[in-house]
Amino acid sequence: MRKDIHPDYKECTVTCACGNTFEIRTTKETMTIDICNECHPFFTGSEKIVDAAGRVDKFKKKYNLS
């Protein structure tokens, strides 16, 4: 393996817009993100399906899903 070609990885503090913080390893010292697993609608269960043409109901009816 060649020397001096790999980046220097260090601890990075990631801060989300919701206030959640966590640690990762990367080449940057700090990161700021807009959305994380604590506030993303998919992970929190508050995801809403926008269905303008009734496709979701048609799918559920076709495959006998609730």
Protein backbone atom coordinates (compact mmCIF):
# COMPACT_ATOMS: atom_id res chain seq x y z
CA MET A 1 0.00 0.00 0.00
CA ARG A 2 1.35 3.41 -0.93
CA LYS A 3 1.97 5.99 1.77
CA ASP A 4 0.58 9.54 1.92
CA ILE A 5 -2.37 8.97 -0.46
CA HIS A 6 -5.14 8.36 2.06
CA PRO A 7 -7.09 11.24 3.63
CA ASP A 8 -6.79 12.03 7.32
CA TYR A 9 -10.03 10.85 8.97
CA LYS A 10 -11.07 12.54 12.18
CA GLU A 11 -14.11 12.73 14.45
CA CYS A 12 -16.84 14.97 13.03
CA THR A 13 -19.81 16.44 14.88
CA VAL A 14 -22.93 16.51 12.70
CA THR A 15 -25.66 18.98 13.72
CA CYS A 16 -29.16 18.78 12.26
CA ALA A 17 -31.58 21.69 11.90
CA CYS A 18 -33.86 19.99 14.46
CA GLY A 19 -31.10 20.15 17.09
CA ASN A 20 -30.00 16.50 16.99
CA THR A 21 -26.23 15.94 17.05
CA PHE A 22 -24.17 12.82 16.46
CA GLU A 23 -20.58 11.81 15.76
CA ILE A 24 -19.16 10.28 12.59
CA ARG A 25 -15.69 9.93 11.09
CA THR A 26 -14.86 11.98 8.01
CA THR A 27 -12.31 14.45 6.66
CA LYS A 28 -14.30 17.47 7.94
CA GLU A 29 -14.37 18.81 11.50
CA THR A 30 -18.09 19.73 11.62
CA MET A 31 -21.17 19.35 9.40
CA THR A 32 -24.60 20.96 9.39
CA ILE A 33 -27.47 19.09 7.76
CA ASP A 34 -31.12 19.95 7.10
CA ILE A 35 -32.75 16.64 7.98
CA CYS A 36 -31.73 13.53 9.94
CA ASN A 37 -33.23 10.21 11.04
CA GLU A 38 -34.81 11.88 14.10
CA CYS A 39 -36.87 14.40 12.12
CA HIS A 40 -37.34 12.77 8.68
CA PRO A 41 -41.03 11.94 8.10
CA PHE A 42 -40.26 8.41 6.85
CA PHE A 43 -38.48 7.43 10.06
CA THR A 44 -40.82 9.25 12.46
CA GLY A 45 -43.97 7.70 10.98
CA SER A 46 -45.56 11.02 10.07
CA GLU A 47 -45.15 10.47 6.33
CA LYS A 48 -48.19 11.49 4.33
CA ILE A 49 -48.97 10.03 0.93
CA VAL A 50 -50.19 12.59 -1.59
CA ASP A 51 -52.66 10.81 -3.86
CA ALA A 52 -54.33 13.02 -6.44
CA ALA A 53 -55.72 10.34 -8.72
CA GLY A 54 -56.74 7.62 -6.23
CA ARG A 55 -53.81 5.38 -7.14
CA VAL A 56 -53.08 4.31 -3.57
CA ASP A 57 -56.69 3.26 -2.94
CA LYS A 58 -56.81 1.44 -6.29
CA PHE A 59 -53.60 -0.44 -5.42
CA LYS A 60 -54.87 -1.37 -1.95
CA LYS A 61 -58.17 -2.56 -3.38
CA LYS A 62 -56.47 -4.61 -6.10
CA TYR A 63 -54.21 -6.46 -3.68
CA ASN A 64 -56.68 -6.63 -0.74
CA LEU A 65 -54.57 -4.45 1.55
CA SER A 66 -56.53 -2.83 4.38
